Amino acid sequence: SSAGFKVVGRDADGACRVMELSHHRFFVGTLFVPQARSR
């Protein structure tokens, strides 16, 4: 995270669940599967 791939999402226990590069057009990673909730 300190190197730039920032933690921007944590669960109730504080565990890392979402990371992103703030300076990038869109560079986002999620441990969850967002597509599962799309309708």
All heavy atoms as atom14 arrays in JSON, in Angstrom:
{
  "sequence": "SSAGFKVVGRDADGACRVMELSHHRFFVGTLFVPQARSR",
  "atom14_mask": [
    [1, 1, 1, 1, 1, 1, 0, 0, 0, 0, 0, 0, 0, 0],
    [1, 1, 1, 1, 1, 1, 0, 0, 0, 0, 0, 0, 0, 0],
    [1, 1, 1, 1, 1, 0, 0, 0, 0, 0, 0, 0, 0, 0],
    [1, 1, 1, 1, 0, 0, 0, 0, 0, 0, 0, 0, 0, 0],
    [1, 1, 1, 1, 1, 1, 1, 1, 1, 1, 1, 0, 0, 0],
    [1, 1, 1, 1, 1, 1, 1, 1, 1, 0, 0, 0, 0, 0],
    [1, 1, 1, 1, 1, 1, 1, 0, 0, 0, 0, 0, 0, 0],
    [1, 1, 1, 1, 1, 1, 1, 0, 0, 0, 0, 0, 0, 0],
    [1, 1, 1, 1, 0, 0, 0, 0, 0, 0, 0, 0, 0, 0],
    [1, 1, 1, 1, 1, 1, 1, 1, 1, 1, 1, 0, 0, 0],
    [1, 1, 1, 1, 1, 1, 1, 1, 0, 0, 0, 0, 0, 0],
    [1, 1, 1, 1, 1, 0, 0, 0, 0, 0, 0, 0, 0, 0],
    [1, 1, 1, 1, 1, 1, 1, 1, 0, 0, 0, 0, 0, 0],
    [1, 1, 1, 1, 0, 0, 0, 0, 0, 0, 0, 0, 0, 0],
    [1, 1, 1, 1, 1, 0, 0, 0, 0, 0, 0, 0, 0, 0],
    [1, 1, 1, 1, 1, 1, 0, 0, 0, 0, 0, 0, 0, 0],
    [1, 1, 1, 1, 1, 1, 1, 1, 1, 1, 1, 0, 0, 0],
    [1, 1, 1, 1, 1, 1, 1, 0, 0, 0, 0, 0, 0, 0],
    [1, 1, 1, 1, 1, 1, 1, 1, 0, 0, 0, 0, 0, 0],
    [1, 1, 1, 1, 1, 1, 1, 1, 1, 0, 0, 0, 0, 0],
    [1, 1, 1, 1, 1, 1, 1, 1, 0, 0, 0, 0, 0, 0],
    [1, 1, 1, 1, 1, 1, 0, 0, 0, 0, 0, 0, 0, 0],
    [1, 1, 1, 1, 1, 1, 1, 1, 1, 1, 0, 0, 0, 0],
    [1, 1, 1, 1, 1, 1, 1, 1, 1, 1, 0, 0, 0, 0],
    [1, 1, 1, 1, 1, 1, 1, 1, 1, 1, 1, 0, 0, 0],
    [1, 1, 1, 1, 1, 1, 1, 1, 1, 1, 1, 0, 0, 0],
    [1, 1, 1, 1, 1, 1, 1, 1, 1, 1, 1, 0, 0, 0],
    [1, 1, 1, 1, 1, 1, 1, 0, 0, 0, 0, 0, 0, 0],
    [1, 1, 1, 1, 0, 0, 0, 0, 0, 0, 0, 0, 0, 0],
    [1, 1, 1, 1, 1, 1, 1, 0, 0, 0, 0, 0, 0, 0],
    [1, 1, 1, 1, 1, 1, 1, 1, 0, 0, 0, 0, 0, 0],
    [1, 1, 1, 1, 1, 1, 1, 1, 1, 1, 1, 0, 0, 0],
    [1, 1, 1, 1, 1, 1, 1, 0, 0, 0, 0, 0, 0, 0],
    [1, 1, 1, 1, 1, 1, 1, 0, 0, 0, 0, 0, 0, 0],
    [1, 1, 1, 1, 1, 1, 1, 1, 1, 0, 0, 0, 0, 0],
    [1, 1, 1, 1, 1, 0, 0, 0, 0, 0, 0, 0, 0, 0],
    [1, 1, 1, 1, 1, 1, 1, 1, 1, 1, 1, 0, 0, 0],
    [1, 1, 1, 1, 1, 1, 0, 0, 0, 0, 0, 0, 0, 0],
    [1, 1, 1, 1, 1, 1, 1, 1, 1, 1, 1, 0, 0, 0]
  ],
  "atom14_positions": [
    [[0.83, -1.2, 0.0], [0.0, 0.0, 0.0], [0.87, 1.26, 0.0], [0.58, 2.23, -0.71], [-0.93, -0.01, 1.21], [-1.84, 1.07, 1.17], [0.0, 0.0, 0.0], [0.0, 0.0, 0.0], [0.0, 0.0, 0.0], [0.0, 0.0, 0.0], [0.0, 0.0, 0.0], [0.0, 0.0, 0.0], [0.0, 0.0, 0.0], [0.0, 0.0, 0.0]],
    [[1.95, 1.25, 0.78], [2.85, 2.4, 0.85], [3.55, 2.65, -0.48], [3.91, 3.79, -0.8], [3.89, 2.19, 1.95], [3.28, 2.11, 3.21], [0.0, 0.0, 0.0], [0.0, 0.0, 0.0], [0.0, 0.0, 0.0], [0.0, 0.0, 0.0], [0.0, 0.0, 0.0], [0.0, 0.0, 0.0], [0.0, 0.0, 0.0], [0.0, 0.0, 0.0]],
    [[3.72, 1.58, -1.28], [4.37, 1.71, -2.58], [3.42, 2.28, -3.64], [3.88, 2.62, -4.74], [4.92, 0.37, -3.02], [0.0, 0.0, 0.0], [0.0, 0.0, 0.0], [0.0, 0.0, 0.0], [0.0, 0.0, 0.0], [0.0, 0.0, 0.0], [0.0, 0.0, 0.0], [0.0, 0.0, 0.0], [0.0, 0.0, 0.0], [0.0, 0.0, 0.0]],
    [[2.13, 2.37, -3.33], [1.2, 3.02, -4.26], [-0.07, 2.26, -4.59], [-1.04, 2.86, -5.07], [0.0, 0.0, 0.0], [0.0, 0.0, 0.0], [0.0, 0.0, 0.0], [0.0, 0.0, 0.0], [0.0, 0.0, 0.0], [0.0, 0.0, 0.0], [0.0, 0.0, 0.0], [0.0, 0.0, 0.0], [0.0, 0.0, 0.0], [0.0, 0.0, 0.0]],
    [[-0.08, 0.95, -4.37], [-1.3, 0.18, -4.62], [-2.09, 0.21, -3.31], [-1.95, -0.65, -2.46], [-0.96, -1.25, -5.04], [-2.07, -2.0, -5.74], [-3.15, -1.35, -6.3], [-2.02, -3.39, -5.85], [-4.15, -2.04, -6.95], [-3.01, -4.09, -6.5], [-4.08, -3.41, -7.06], [0.0, 0.0, 0.0], [0.0, 0.0, 0.0], [0.0, 0.0, 0.0]],
    [[-2.91, 1.24, -3.18], [-3.5, 1.6, -1.9], [-4.67, 0.7, -1.49], [-5.49, 0.33, -2.33], [-4.01, 3.04, -1.94], [-2.95, 4.09, -2.25], [-1.98, 4.26, -1.1], [-1.04, 5.43, -1.35], [-0.06, 5.58, -0.24], [0.0, 0.0, 0.0], [0.0, 0.0, 0.0], [0.0, 0.0, 0.0], [0.0, 0.0, 0.0], [0.0, 0.0, 0.0]],
    [[-4.73, 0.4, -0.22], [-5.89, -0.28, 0.34], [-7.01, 0.75, 0.47], [-6.86, 1.76, 1.16], [-5.59, -0.88, 1.72], [-6.83, -1.55, 2.29], [-4.44, -1.88, 1.64], [0.0, 0.0, 0.0], [0.0, 0.0, 0.0], [0.0, 0.0, 0.0], [0.0, 0.0, 0.0], [0.0, 0.0, 0.0], [0.0, 0.0, 0.0], [0.0, 0.0, 0.0]],
    [[-8.12, 0.51, -0.21], [-9.26, 1.45, -0.14], [-10.53, 0.76, 0.32], [-11.6, 1.38, 0.36], [-9.5, 2.14, -1.51], [-8.28, 2.96, -1.9], [-9.85, 1.13, -2.58], [0.0, 0.0, 0.0], [0.0, 0.0, 0.0], [0.0, 0.0, 0.0], [0.0, 0.0, 0.0], [0.0, 0.0, 0.0], [0.0, 0.0, 0.0], [0.0, 0.0, 0.0]],
    [[-10.43, -0.52, 0.68], [-11.6, -1.24, 1.17], [-11.18, -2.31, 2.17], [-10.27, -3.09, 1.89], [0.0, 0.0, 0.0], [0.0, 0.0, 0.0], [0.0, 0.0, 0.0], [0.0, 0.0, 0.0], [0.0, 0.0, 0.0], [0.0, 0.0, 0.0], [0.0, 0.0, 0.0], [0.0, 0.0, 0.0], [0.0, 0.0, 0.0], [0.0, 0.0, 0.0]],
    [[-11.82, -2.31, 3.32], [-11.53, -3.31, 4.37], [-12.83, -3.88, 4.9], [-13.86, -3.21, 4.89], [-10.73, -2.68, 5.52], [-9.34, -2.18, 5.12], [-8.6, -1.6, 6.32], [-7.3, -1.06, 5.99], [-6.18, -1.76, 5.97], [-6.2, -3.05, 6.29], [-5.02, -1.2, 5.65], [0.0, 0.0, 0.0], [0.0, 0.0, 0.0], [0.0, 0.0, 0.0]],
    [[-12.74, -5.12, 5.39], [-13.93, -5.73, 5.99], [-14.02, -5.34, 7.47], [-13.22, -4.53, 7.96], [-13.94, -7.24, 5.78], [-12.83, -7.97, 6.53], [-12.18, -7.37, 7.42], [-12.6, -9.16, 6.23], [0.0, 0.0, 0.0], [0.0, 0.0, 0.0], [0.0, 0.0, 0.0], [0.0, 0.0, 0.0], [0.0, 0.0, 0.0], [0.0, 0.0, 0.0]],
    [[-14.98, -5.92, 8.17], [-15.22, -5.55, 9.56], [-14.03, -5.85, 10.46], [-13.87, -5.23, 11.52], [-16.47, -6.26, 10.07], [0.0, 0.0, 0.0], [0.0, 0.0, 0.0], [0.0, 0.0, 0.0], [0.0, 0.0, 0.0], [0.0, 0.0, 0.0], [0.0, 0.0, 0.0], [0.0, 0.0, 0.0], [0.0, 0.0, 0.0], [0.0, 0.0, 0.0]],
    [[-13.18, -6.81, 10.05], [-12.01, -7.16, 10.84], [-10.78, -6.35, 10.44], [-9.69, -6.57, 10.97], [-11.7, -8.65, 10.69], [-12.82, -9.53, 11.24], [-13.4, -9.14, 12.27], [-13.11, -10.57, 10.63], [0.0, 0.0, 0.0], [0.0, 0.0, 0.0], [0.0, 0.0, 0.0], [0.0, 0.0, 0.0], [0.0, 0.0, 0.0], [0.0, 0.0, 0.0]],
    [[-10.96, -5.44, 9.47], [-9.84, -4.62, 9.03], [-9.0, -5.26, 7.95], [-7.96, -4.71, 7.56], [0.0, 0.0, 0.0], [0.0, 0.0, 0.0], [0.0, 0.0, 0.0], [0.0, 0.0, 0.0], [0.0, 0.0, 0.0], [0.0, 0.0, 0.0], [0.0, 0.0, 0.0], [0.0, 0.0, 0.0], [0.0, 0.0, 0.0], [0.0, 0.0, 0.0]],
    [[-9.42, -6.42, 7.45], [-8.65, -7.12, 6.41], [-8.8, -6.42, 5.07], [-9.87, -5.94, 4.7], [-9.11, -8.57, 6.31], [0.0, 0.0, 0.0], [0.0, 0.0, 0.0], [0.0, 0.0, 0.0], [0.0, 0.0, 0.0], [0.0, 0.0, 0.0], [0.0, 0.0, 0.0], [0.0, 0.0, 0.0], [0.0, 0.0, 0.0], [0.0, 0.0, 0.0]],
    [[-7.71, -6.4, 4.32], [-7.67, -5.75, 3.0], [-8.56, -6.49, 2.01], [-8.42, -7.69, 1.8], [-6.21, -5.75, 2.52], [-6.0, -5.28, 0.82], [0.0, 0.0, 0.0], [0.0, 0.0, 0.0], [0.0, 0.0, 0.0], [0.0, 0.0, 0.0], [0.0, 0.0, 0.0], [0.0, 0.0, 0.0], [0.0, 0.0, 0.0], [0.0, 0.0, 0.0]],
    [[-9.48, -5.75, 1.37], [-10.4, -6.37, 0.42], [-10.48, -5.65, -0.92], [-10.92, -6.23, -1.91], [-11.81, -6.44, 1.03], [-11.9, -7.32, 2.27], [-11.58, -8.76, 1.95], [-11.68, -9.68, 3.07], [-10.66, -10.35, 3.58], [-9.43, -10.2, 3.07], [-10.83, -11.2, 4.58], [0.0, 0.0, 0.0], [0.0, 0.0, 0.0], [0.0, 0.0, 0.0]],
    [[-10.05, -4.37, -0.98], [-10.03, -3.6, -2.23], [-8.76, -2.77, -2.27], [-8.39, -2.14, -1.27], [-11.24, -2.65, -2.35], [-11.3, -2.03, -3.75], [-12.55, -3.36, -2.03], [0.0, 0.0, 0.0], [0.0, 0.0, 0.0], [0.0, 0.0, 0.0], [0.0, 0.0, 0.0], [0.0, 0.0, 0.0], [0.0, 0.0, 0.0], [0.0, 0.0, 0.0]],
    [[-8.11, -2.74, -3.45], [-6.92, -1.91, -3.63], [-7.03, -1.2, -4.98], [-7.65, -1.71, -5.91], [-5.65, -2.75, -3.55], [-5.48, -3.46, -2.23], [-4.0, -4.54, -2.14], [-2.73, -3.31, -1.8], [0.0, 0.0, 0.0], [0.0, 0.0, 0.0], [0.0, 0.0, 0.0], [0.0, 0.0, 0.0], [0.0, 0.0, 0.0], [0.0, 0.0, 0.0]],
    [[-6.39, -0.02, -5.08], [-6.41, 0.7, -6.35], [-5.19, 1.61, -6.46], [-4.57, 1.98, -5.46], [-7.69, 1.52, -6.48], [-7.81, 2.67, -5.51], [-9.09, 3.52, -5.71], [-10.18, 2.93, -5.88], [-8.98, 4.76, -5.66], [0.0, 0.0, 0.0], [0.0, 0.0, 0.0], [0.0, 0.0, 0.0], [0.0, 0.0, 0.0], [0.0, 0.0, 0.0]],
    [[-4.86, 1.97, -7.7], [-3.85, 2.98, -7.99], [-4.57, 4.3, -8.22], [-5.34, 4.43, -9.18], [-3.05, 2.61, -9.24], [-2.03, 1.48, -9.13], [-1.36, 1.27, -10.48], [-0.97, 1.8, -8.08], [0.0, 0.0, 0.0], [0.0, 0.0, 0.0], [0.0, 0.0, 0.0], [0.0, 0.0, 0.0], [0.0, 0.0, 0.0], [0.0, 0.0, 0.0]],
    [[-4.32, 5.28, -7.38], [-5.07, 6.53, -7.46], [-4.72, 7.33, -8.71], [-5.58, 8.04, -9.26], [-4.81, 7.37, -6.22], [-3.42, 7.66, -6.09], [0.0, 0.0, 0.0], [0.0, 0.0, 0.0], [0.0, 0.0, 0.0], [0.0, 0.0, 0.0], [0.0, 0.0, 0.0], [0.0, 0.0, 0.0], [0.0, 0.0, 0.0], [0.0, 0.0, 0.0]],
    [[-3.49, 7.23, -9.21], [-3.07, 8.05, -10.35], [-3.39, 7.4, -11.69], [-3.19, 8.01, -12.74], [-1.56, 8.31, -10.28], [-0.74, 7.06, -10.38], [-0.43, 6.28, -9.28], [-0.17, 6.45, -11.46], [0.3, 5.24, -9.68], [0.46, 5.32, -10.99], [0.0, 0.0, 0.0], [0.0, 0.0, 0.0], [0.0, 0.0, 0.0], [0.0, 0.0, 0.0]],
    [[-3.85, 6.18, -11.67], [-4.15, 5.44, -12.9], [-5.57, 5.74, -13.36], [-6.45, 6.11, -12.58], [-4.02, 3.94, -12.6], [-3.91, 3.05, -13.8], [-4.99, 2.68, -14.55], [-2.83, 2.46, -14.37], [-4.58, 1.88, -15.53], [-3.28, 1.73, -15.44], [0.0, 0.0, 0.0], [0.0, 0.0, 0.0], [0.0, 0.0, 0.0], [0.0, 0.0, 0.0]],
    [[-5.8, 5.6, -14.69], [-7.16, 5.81, -15.23], [-8.17, 4.95, -14.48], [-9.2, 5.43, -14.05], [-7.17, 5.46, -16.72], [-8.55, 5.46, -17.35], [-8.47, 5.28, -18.85], [-7.9, 6.46, -19.48], [-6.71, 6.49, -20.1], [-5.96, 5.4, -20.16], [-6.27, 7.6, -20.64], [0.0, 0.0, 0.0], [0.0, 0.0, 0.0], [0.0, 0.0, 0.0]],
    [[-7.89, 3.69, -14.33], [-8.72, 2.77, -13.57], [-7.92, 1.49, -13.38], [-7.69, 0.74, -14.32], [-10.03, 2.46, -14.3], [-11.07, 1.78, -13.43], [-12.1, 2.51, -12.84], [-11.02, 0.41, -13.19], [-13.05, 1.9, -12.03], [-11.97, -0.22, -12.4], [-12.99, 0.53, -11.81], [0.0, 0.0, 0.0], [0.0, 0.0, 0.0], [0.0, 0.0, 0.0]],
    [[-7.46, 1.27, -12.17], [-6.67, 0.09, -11.84], [-7.13, -0.35, -10.46], [-6.58, 0.06, -9.44], [-5.18, 0.41, -11.86], [-4.27, -0.79, -11.87], [-3.89, -1.4, -13.06], [-3.75, -1.3, -10.69], [-3.03, -2.49, -13.08], [-2.89, -2.4, -10.69], [-2.53, -2.99, -11.9], [0.0, 0.0, 0.0], [0.0, 0.0, 0.0], [0.0, 0.0, 0.0]],
    [[-8.18, -1.18, -10.44], [-8.86, -1.55, -9.2], [-8.92, -3.06, -9.07], [-9.25, -3.77, -10.03], [-10.29, -0.97, -9.17], [-11.04, -1.43, -7.92], [-10.26, 0.55, -9.24], [0.0, 0.0, 0.0], [0.0, 0.0, 0.0], [0.0, 0.0, 0.0], [0.0, 0.0, 0.0], [0.0, 0.0, 0.0], [0.0, 0.0, 0.0], [0.0, 0.0, 0.0]],
    [[-8.6, -3.54, -7.87], [-8.69, -4.97, -7.6], [-9.56, -5.23, -6.39], [-9.46, -4.52, -5.38], [0.0, 0.0, 0.0], [0.0, 0.0, 0.0], [0.0, 0.0, 0.0], [0.0, 0.0, 0.0], [0.0, 0.0, 0.0], [0.0, 0.0, 0.0], [0.0, 0.0, 0.0], [0.0, 0.0, 0.0], [0.0, 0.0, 0.0], [0.0, 0.0, 0.0]],
    [[-10.43, -6.24, -6.49], [-11.31, -6.59, -5.38], [-11.19, -8.08, -5.08], [-11.17, -8.9, -5.99], [-12.79, -6.27, -5.69], [-13.28, -7.18, -6.68], [-12.94, -4.85, -6.21], [0.0, 0.0, 0.0], [0.0, 0.0, 0.0], [0.0, 0.0, 0.0], [0.0, 0.0, 0.0], [0.0, 0.0, 0.0], [0.0, 0.0, 0.0], [0.0, 0.0, 0.0]],
    [[-11.13, -8.42, -3.79], [-11.11, -9.83, -3.44], [-12.49, -10.45, -3.65], [-12.6, -11.64, -3.95], [-10.67, -10.02, -1.99], [-10.35, -11.46, -1.59], [-9.18, -12.01, -2.4], [-10.04, -11.56, -0.1], [0.0, 0.0, 0.0], [0.0, 0.0, 0.0], [0.0, 0.0, 0.0], [0.0, 0.0, 0.0], [0.0, 0.0, 0.0], [0.0, 0.0, 0.0]],
    [[-13.52, -9.66, -3.52], [-14.87, -10.14, -3.78], [-15.15, -10.17, -5.28], [-14.35, -9.73, -6.1], [-15.9, -9.29, -3.03], [-15.83, -7.82, -3.31], [-16.41, -7.28, -4.45], [-15.18, -6.97, -2.42], [-16.35, -5.92, -4.7], [-15.12, -5.6, -2.66], [-15.71, -5.07, -3.81], [0.0, 0.0, 0.0], [0.0, 0.0, 0.0], [0.0, 0.0, 0.0]],
    [[-16.31, -10.7, -5.64], [-16.7, -10.84, -7.04], [-17.92, -9.95, -7.3], [-19.06, -10.38, -7.15], [-17.02, -12.32, -7.37], [-17.38, -12.49, -8.82], [-15.84, -13.21, -7.01], [0.0, 0.0, 0.0], [0.0, 0.0, 0.0], [0.0, 0.0, 0.0], [0.0, 0.0, 0.0], [0.0, 0.0, 0.0], [0.0, 0.0, 0.0], [0.0, 0.0, 0.0]],
    [[-17.7, -8.69, -7.7], [-18.83, -7.77, -7.87], [-19.83, -8.22, -8.93], [-21.02, -7.94, -8.81], [-18.15, -6.46, -8.28], [-16.81, -6.86, -8.82], [-16.42, -8.06, -8.03], [0.0, 0.0, 0.0], [0.0, 0.0, 0.0], [0.0, 0.0, 0.0], [0.0, 0.0, 0.0], [0.0, 0.0, 0.0], [0.0, 0.0, 0.0], [0.0, 0.0, 0.0]],
    [[-19.33, -8.95, -9.94], [-20.22, -9.38, -11.02], [-21.34, -10.29, -10.52], [-22.4, -10.41, -11.16], [-19.44, -10.06, -12.15], [-18.56, -11.23, -11.75], [-17.13, -10.86, -11.45], [-16.89, -9.93, -10.69], [-16.19, -11.57, -12.05], [0.0, 0.0, 0.0], [0.0, 0.0, 0.0], [0.0, 0.0, 0.0], [0.0, 0.0, 0.0], [0.0, 0.0, 0.0]],
    [[-21.14, -10.91, -9.37], [-22.15, -11.82, -8.84], [-23.41, -11.08, -8.4], [-24.48, -11.69, -8.3], [-21.59, -12.6, -7.65], [0.0, 0.0, 0.0], [0.0, 0.0, 0.0], [0.0, 0.0, 0.0], [0.0, 0.0, 0.0], [0.0, 0.0, 0.0], [0.0, 0.0, 0.0], [0.0, 0.0, 0.0], [0.0, 0.0, 0.0], [0.0, 0.0, 0.0]],
    [[-23.3, -9.78, -8.15], [-24.45, -9.01, -7.68], [-25.04, -8.1, -8.76], [-25.94, -7.31, -8.48], [-24.06, -8.19, -6.45], [-23.75, -9.07, -5.24], [-23.26, -8.24, -4.06], [-24.26, -7.32, -3.56], [-25.21, -7.63, -2.68], [-25.29, -8.87, -2.21], [-26.07, -6.74, -2.25], [0.0, 0.0, 0.0], [0.0, 0.0, 0.0], [0.0, 0.0, 0.0]],
    [[-24.54, -8.22, -9.98], [-25.07, -7.41, -11.08], [-26.38, -8.0, -11.58], [-26.54, -9.22, -11.65], [-24.05, -7.36, -12.22], [-24.53, -6.58, -13.29], [0.0, 0.0, 0.0], [0.0, 0.0, 0.0], [0.0, 0.0, 0.0], [0.0, 0.0, 0.0], [0.0, 0.0, 0.0], [0.0, 0.0, 0.0], [0.0, 0.0, 0.0], [0.0, 0.0, 0.0]],
    [[-27.31, -7.13, -11.94], [-28.6, -7.56, -12.48], [-28.95, -6.67, -13.68], [-28.48, -5.54, -13.79], [-29.7, -7.42, -11.41], [-29.48, -8.27, -10.18], [-29.6, -9.76, -10.48], [-29.43, -10.58, -9.29], [-28.26, -11.07, -8.89], [-27.15, -10.79, -9.57], [-28.18, -11.82, -7.81], [0.0, 0.0, 0.0], [0.0, 0.0, 0.0], [0.0, 0.0, 0.0]]
  ]
}
